[in-house]
Structure formats: C-alpha cells, structure tokens
Amino acid sequence: MISNINIDIIIPNYNKSQYLEECINSVVSQTFKNWKLYIVDDFSTDNSLQVIEKYNTLNNINIIKLKKNKGPAFCRNLGVRISSSPYISFLDSDDLWVKNKLEKQIIFMIKNKFSFTFSDYYWFKNINSKDYKSTQISNSLSFREFLNNSSINSSTMILKRDIIKNTRFKNVNHEDYLFKCDILRSGVVAYKINDKLAYYRIIKTSRSSNKFVNLFYLWKINSKYNKLNFFKNLISVISISINSLKKYGFK
C-alpha cells in the first residue's frame, strides 16, 4: 500500500546540538524507510555541525550548511524548494518521533485520501525528560477552527506537496502558525490520526515559552494576514491561550 510512497523530511537547526542526535536518530530508526531527510543548519555556533557530520555517509540524508543565519522560515522554505517527494513533513531539531510515526500516518492519509494530517503528541519539559504528558486535540481543524485552537504541532504534520503550491513560510515571528493558516485558508481541512506520534520538548529559552510575547505576535498576524477585526482577533487570542493552558498549564 505504501511501498511506492516517498516522503521528504525537513529539519531546520540552530544551536540545538544537545538534542540534535536524538532528533535525527528518531528519523533514521523509522519503520517506514522511503524517506529523504534535509537538515538545514542555520549557521549554528555550537557543535551542531559535528553532530550532523556523523550522518553524511547516509545517502538519504542531505545536509545544507548556511553561511549566514537566515531564520527558521528561510530554512523550511529552502527544504521545501530543494525536495521533491509528494509528501512533506517537518521536524524541529529539539523534538523527536516515535518509531512508526511515518508508517502509521502515511497509511492513514492514503486510506482516507487526506492531504493534511497531524497527530497528538507527548510533551515534556527539558528539566525532566521522563515526565511525559500528552495532548487530546480535536479530530479535525478547519481554518476558522484553527484560529481558535492552534494546536497542530509542526513536528506532527504531514502534507501533500500539491496543497502547498506557492505557500511559503514568511519571515515573521510564529511563521509556522501563519503557514498553517495560509494552507487552511485555501479550504483544506487538517485531520488528526488518533495516536501520539511525536515528542515535543519545552525549553525555557524557546520562542514558545514566552506567553505574552507570543500573544502579541499572534495578534499582529491575525490582524495583518488573517484580516480579523478587533473582536474576532480578541476571541482568537483568548481561545488559543485557553487551549494552551489546557494542554500545558503554566509551562
């Protein structure tokens, strides 16, 4: 059923060397083997390149080393542009997958003819990596629903390339939120496979850890790109905040 299916995986990395090997190994150990991995290093200043070089002998891993720091949007767009498989997935360099993530999700997509899927996931704080908690996200999210519940974790997504078309990650804070909005705004619906297929690491220094700054940038994106009026924007930001608290508490 899936023996002739190929998928591209894009990992942007900037200074996440301490988590990077675990992340890449979670791809290498997948039960589904028809994948190509594109690691885009965003001019890291730690020892990320030393970690990445361990994998340069694997034919299905492509390593791209940027000579200047360009940001996550550029890295993801570059990965999309140079890859060619009909399915695309993204994995953040401090996250990781369960072993049968790709196999289960691809079968789910083909069986149901879905073009955008995601999954529940385990989350944990970096200070205690064995204390896993998990999410319970809605079974499907349309554009309007996503504006009030932005729970699709980028590391759980698989998309068919043909729905991406000319959509690109924009160079803004929360570029992943806007990218998902742009895809869903076209009428695509995202469907959840009812399984926990990834591990999301919460780091105190990560962008997602500053709640008030996050809300400010969500407001700006909703106003400028999603064209929400004040009232709808307020509902969106409050609803996203409530859903975040339900998932993570005061992380």
Protein backbone atom coordinates (compact mmCIF):
# COMPACT_ATOMS: atom_id res chain seq x y z
CA MET A 1 0.00 0.00 0.00
CA ILE A 2 2.80 2.42 0.85
CA SER A 3 5.81 0.73 -0.75
CA ASN A 4 5.85 3.22 -3.64
CA ILE A 5 5.27 6.32 -1.50
CA ASN A 6 8.12 8.75 -0.79
CA ILE A 7 8.26 11.47 1.82
CA ASP A 8 10.64 14.36 2.45
CA ILE A 9 11.51 15.44 5.99
CA ILE A 10 12.81 18.93 6.74
CA ILE A 11 14.72 19.70 9.92
CA PRO A 12 15.84 23.30 10.46
CA ASN A 13 18.51 23.61 13.12
CA TYR A 14 20.10 26.45 15.00
CA ASN A 15 22.27 25.72 18.04
CA LYS A 16 20.37 22.64 19.20
CA SER A 17 23.35 20.30 19.23
CA GLN A 18 22.46 18.73 22.57
CA TYR A 19 19.15 17.46 21.18
CA LEU A 20 20.03 17.02 17.52
CA GLU A 21 21.36 13.47 17.54
CA GLU A 22 18.27 12.16 19.33
CA CYS A 23 16.11 14.02 16.81
CA ILE A 24 17.90 12.65 13.73
CA ASN A 25 18.05 9.12 15.16
CA SER A 26 14.28 9.17 15.54
CA VAL A 27 14.09 9.62 11.75
CA VAL A 28 16.76 7.06 10.91
CA SER A 29 15.00 4.43 13.04
CA GLN A 30 11.59 4.87 11.38
CA THR A 31 9.85 1.65 10.34
CA PHE A 32 8.90 3.40 7.09
CA LYS A 33 12.06 3.68 5.00
CA ASN A 34 11.12 5.61 1.83
CA TRP A 35 12.20 8.98 3.16
CA LYS A 36 14.73 11.67 2.40
CA LEU A 37 15.90 13.96 5.16
CA TYR A 38 17.01 17.55 4.58
CA ILE A 39 18.87 19.04 7.54
CA VAL A 40 19.27 22.79 7.11
CA ASP A 41 21.75 24.18 9.61
CA ASP A 42 21.19 27.90 10.11
CA PHE A 43 24.83 28.88 10.72
CA SER A 44 24.98 27.30 14.17
CA THR A 45 27.71 28.46 16.54
CA ASP A 46 27.65 25.41 18.81
CA ASN A 47 28.83 21.92 17.79
CA SER A 48 25.74 21.15 15.70
CA LEU A 49 27.82 20.59 12.58
CA GLN A 50 29.91 17.94 14.34
CA VAL A 51 26.72 16.09 15.21
CA ILE A 52 25.30 16.44 11.70
CA GLU A 53 28.52 15.24 10.05
CA LYS A 54 28.03 11.84 11.65
CA TYR A 55 25.26 11.24 9.13
CA ASN A 56 26.94 12.45 5.95
CA THR A 57 27.51 8.91 4.70
CA LEU A 58 23.80 8.11 4.56
CA ASN A 59 22.51 8.55 1.02
CA ASN A 60 19.02 9.62 2.06
CA ILE A 61 20.25 12.44 4.30
CA ASN A 62 21.05 15.79 2.71
CA ILE A 63 22.99 18.31 4.77
CA ILE A 64 22.73 22.01 3.92
CA LYS A 65 25.03 24.39 5.79
CA LEU A 66 24.07 28.06 5.56
CA LYS A 67 26.87 30.62 5.59
CA LYS A 68 24.72 33.20 7.32
CA ASN A 69 21.93 32.99 9.88
CA LYS A 70 18.65 33.26 7.96
CA GLY A 71 15.98 32.17 10.42
CA PRO A 72 13.62 29.17 10.54
CA ALA A 73 11.31 30.41 7.77
CA PHE A 74 14.17 30.54 5.26
CA CYS A 75 15.40 27.08 6.33
CA ARG A 76 11.99 25.47 5.92
CA ASN A 77 11.37 27.19 2.58
CA LEU A 78 14.74 26.04 1.31
CA GLY A 79 13.94 22.49 2.32
CA VAL A 80 10.59 22.62 0.54
CA ARG A 81 12.20 24.07 -2.59
CA ILE A 82 15.04 21.57 -2.98
CA SER A 83 12.98 18.49 -2.05
CA SER A 84 10.68 16.74 -4.49
CA SER A 85 8.66 13.92 -2.89
CA PRO A 86 4.85 14.09 -2.99
CA TYR A 87 4.64 14.20 0.82
CA ILE A 88 6.41 16.65 3.11
CA SER A 89 6.88 16.60 6.87
CA PHE A 90 8.66 18.89 9.29
CA LEU A 91 10.56 18.09 12.46
CA ASP A 92 12.06 20.63 14.85
CA SER A 93 15.60 19.79 15.90
CA ASP A 94 14.73 19.56 19.60
CA ASP A 95 11.73 17.25 19.02
CA LEU A 96 11.60 13.57 18.06
CA TRP A 97 9.26 10.95 16.61
CA VAL A 98 8.04 7.54 17.71
CA LYS A 99 9.39 4.73 15.52
CA ASN A 100 6.27 4.07 13.45
CA LYS A 101 5.21 7.70 13.05
CA LEU A 102 5.63 7.91 9.29
CA GLU A 103 4.25 4.45 8.59
CA LYS A 104 1.06 4.96 10.59
CA GLN A 105 0.42 8.46 9.33
CA ILE A 106 1.03 7.74 5.64
CA ILE A 107 -1.32 4.74 5.77
CA PHE A 108 -3.92 6.94 7.49
CA MET A 109 -3.57 9.62 4.80
CA ILE A 110 -3.80 7.25 1.84
CA LYS A 111 -6.68 5.23 3.27
CA ASN A 112 -8.77 8.35 3.89
CA LYS A 113 -7.44 10.44 0.97
CA PHE A 114 -6.36 13.24 3.31
CA SER A 115 -3.89 15.90 2.20
CA PHE A 116 -3.06 17.44 5.61
CA THR A 117 -2.72 15.37 8.78
CA PHE A 118 -1.32 15.74 12.27
CA SER A 119 -1.32 13.75 15.48
CA ASP A 120 -1.47 14.08 19.24
CA TYR A 121 1.93 14.08 20.91
CA TYR A 122 3.78 13.71 24.17
CA TRP A 123 5.26 16.83 25.67
CA PHE A 124 7.88 17.20 28.33
CA LYS A 125 9.97 19.87 29.96
CA ASN A 126 13.67 19.73 29.36
CA ILE A 127 14.44 19.62 33.08
CA ASN A 128 12.71 16.25 33.44
CA SER A 129 12.66 14.37 30.15
CA LYS A 130 10.93 11.33 31.67
CA ASP A 131 7.87 13.23 32.86
CA TYR A 132 5.74 12.85 29.72
CA LYS A 133 2.27 14.30 29.36
CA SER A 134 0.11 14.09 26.26
CA THR A 135 -2.40 16.10 24.25
CA GLN A 136 -6.00 15.47 23.24
CA ILE A 137 -6.56 17.65 20.17
CA SER A 138 -9.74 17.91 18.10
CA ASN A 139 -10.10 15.28 15.37
CA SER A 140 -10.09 17.89 12.61
CA LEU A 141 -9.38 21.59 12.24
CA SER A 142 -10.57 23.95 9.52
CA PHE A 143 -9.19 27.45 9.08
CA ARG A 144 -11.83 29.01 11.33
CA GLU A 145 -11.39 26.34 13.97
CA PHE A 146 -7.61 26.66 13.86
CA LEU A 147 -7.84 30.39 14.56
CA ASN A 148 -9.26 29.49 17.97
CA ASN A 149 -7.23 26.34 18.56
CA SER A 150 -3.75 26.42 17.02
CA SER A 151 -2.85 23.02 18.47
CA ILE A 152 -1.30 21.47 15.36
CA ASN A 153 2.32 20.87 16.31
CA SER A 154 4.61 21.33 13.30
CA SER A 155 6.60 18.21 14.19
CA THR A 156 3.47 16.07 13.79
CA MET A 157 2.35 17.37 10.37
CA ILE A 158 2.45 15.59 7.03
CA LEU A 159 1.22 17.46 3.96
CA LYS A 160 0.78 16.52 0.34
CA ARG A 161 3.05 18.75 -1.69
CA ASP A 162 0.30 19.74 -4.11
CA ILE A 163 -1.65 21.63 -1.41
CA ILE A 164 1.37 23.77 -0.57
CA LYS A 165 1.58 25.25 -4.07
CA ASN A 166 3.18 28.68 -3.68
CA THR A 167 2.60 28.91 0.08
CA ARG A 168 5.81 29.69 1.91
CA PHE A 169 6.86 30.37 5.47
CA LYS A 170 7.00 34.13 5.94
CA ASN A 171 9.80 35.83 7.84
CA VAL A 172 7.71 36.69 10.89
CA ASN A 173 7.56 35.54 14.46
CA HIS A 174 5.38 32.41 14.62
CA GLU A 175 5.98 31.71 10.96
CA ASP A 176 4.69 28.16 11.49
CA TYR A 177 1.31 29.42 12.76
CA LEU A 178 0.94 31.68 9.73
CA PHE A 179 1.99 28.91 7.33
CA LYS A 180 -0.72 26.63 8.70
CA CYS A 181 -3.25 29.46 8.45
CA ASP A 182 -2.28 30.04 4.81
CA ILE A 183 -2.74 26.34 3.96
CA LEU A 184 -6.04 26.00 5.81
CA ARG A 185 -7.41 29.29 4.46
CA SER A 186 -7.44 27.73 0.99
CA GLY A 187 -10.20 25.37 2.12
CA VAL A 188 -8.02 22.43 3.18
CA VAL A 189 -9.00 20.70 6.43
CA ALA A 190 -6.38 19.14 8.72
CA TYR A 191 -7.28 15.69 10.09
CA LYS A 192 -5.82 14.03 13.16
CA ILE A 193 -4.68 10.45 13.32
CA ASN A 194 -5.78 9.27 16.74
CA ASP A 195 -2.35 8.39 18.06
CA LYS A 196 0.57 10.06 19.82
CA LEU A 197 3.38 10.04 17.30
CA ALA A 198 5.88 12.68 18.44
CA TYR A 199 7.64 14.12 21.46
CA TYR A 200 7.63 17.89 21.91
CA ARG A 201 10.35 19.31 24.14
CA ILE A 202 9.57 22.51 26.04
CA ILE A 203 12.70 24.55 26.66
CA LYS A 204 12.69 27.67 28.81
CA THR A 205 14.65 29.63 26.22
CA SER A 206 12.43 28.61 23.29
CA ARG A 207 10.19 31.06 21.48
CA SER A 208 7.08 29.23 22.63
CA SER A 209 7.89 29.69 26.32
CA ASN A 210 7.13 33.46 26.47
CA LYS A 211 3.35 33.63 26.62
CA PHE A 212 2.81 37.39 26.46
CA VAL A 213 5.21 37.91 23.56
CA ASN A 214 3.53 35.02 21.75
CA LEU A 215 0.11 36.62 22.13
CA PHE A 216 1.41 39.91 20.79
CA TYR A 217 2.74 38.28 17.62
CA LEU A 218 -0.40 36.18 17.17
CA TRP A 219 -2.44 39.39 17.35
CA LYS A 220 -0.26 41.01 14.69
CA ILE A 221 -0.52 38.01 12.35
CA ASN A 222 -4.28 37.77 12.82
CA SER A 223 -4.67 41.45 12.05
CA LYS A 224 -2.30 41.75 9.09
CA TYR A 225 -2.57 38.37 7.36
CA ASN A 226 -5.78 36.75 8.61
CA LYS A 227 -7.68 40.04 8.35
CA LEU A 228 -9.50 39.58 11.65
CA ASN A 229 -11.30 42.57 13.11
CA PHE A 230 -10.70 43.56 16.72
CA PHE A 231 -13.48 41.39 18.17
CA LYS A 232 -12.59 38.25 16.20
CA ASN A 233 -8.91 38.75 16.94
CA LEU A 234 -9.66 39.03 20.65
CA ILE A 235 -11.66 35.79 20.58
CA SER A 236 -8.83 34.08 18.66
CA VAL A 237 -6.09 35.12 21.06
CA ILE A 238 -8.13 34.31 24.18
CA SER A 239 -9.21 30.92 22.78
CA ILE A 240 -5.65 30.00 21.77
CA SER A 241 -4.46 30.98 25.26
CA ILE A 242 -7.12 28.84 26.96
CA ASN A 243 -6.27 25.85 24.75
CA SER A 244 -2.59 26.29 25.51
CA LEU A 245 -3.31 26.31 29.25
CA LYS A 246 -5.40 23.15 28.87
CA LYS A 247 -2.50 21.42 27.12
CA TYR A 248 0.50 22.62 29.12
CA GLY A 249 -0.67 24.50 32.17
CA PHE A 250 1.67 27.35 33.09
CA LYS A 251 4.70 25.98 31.26
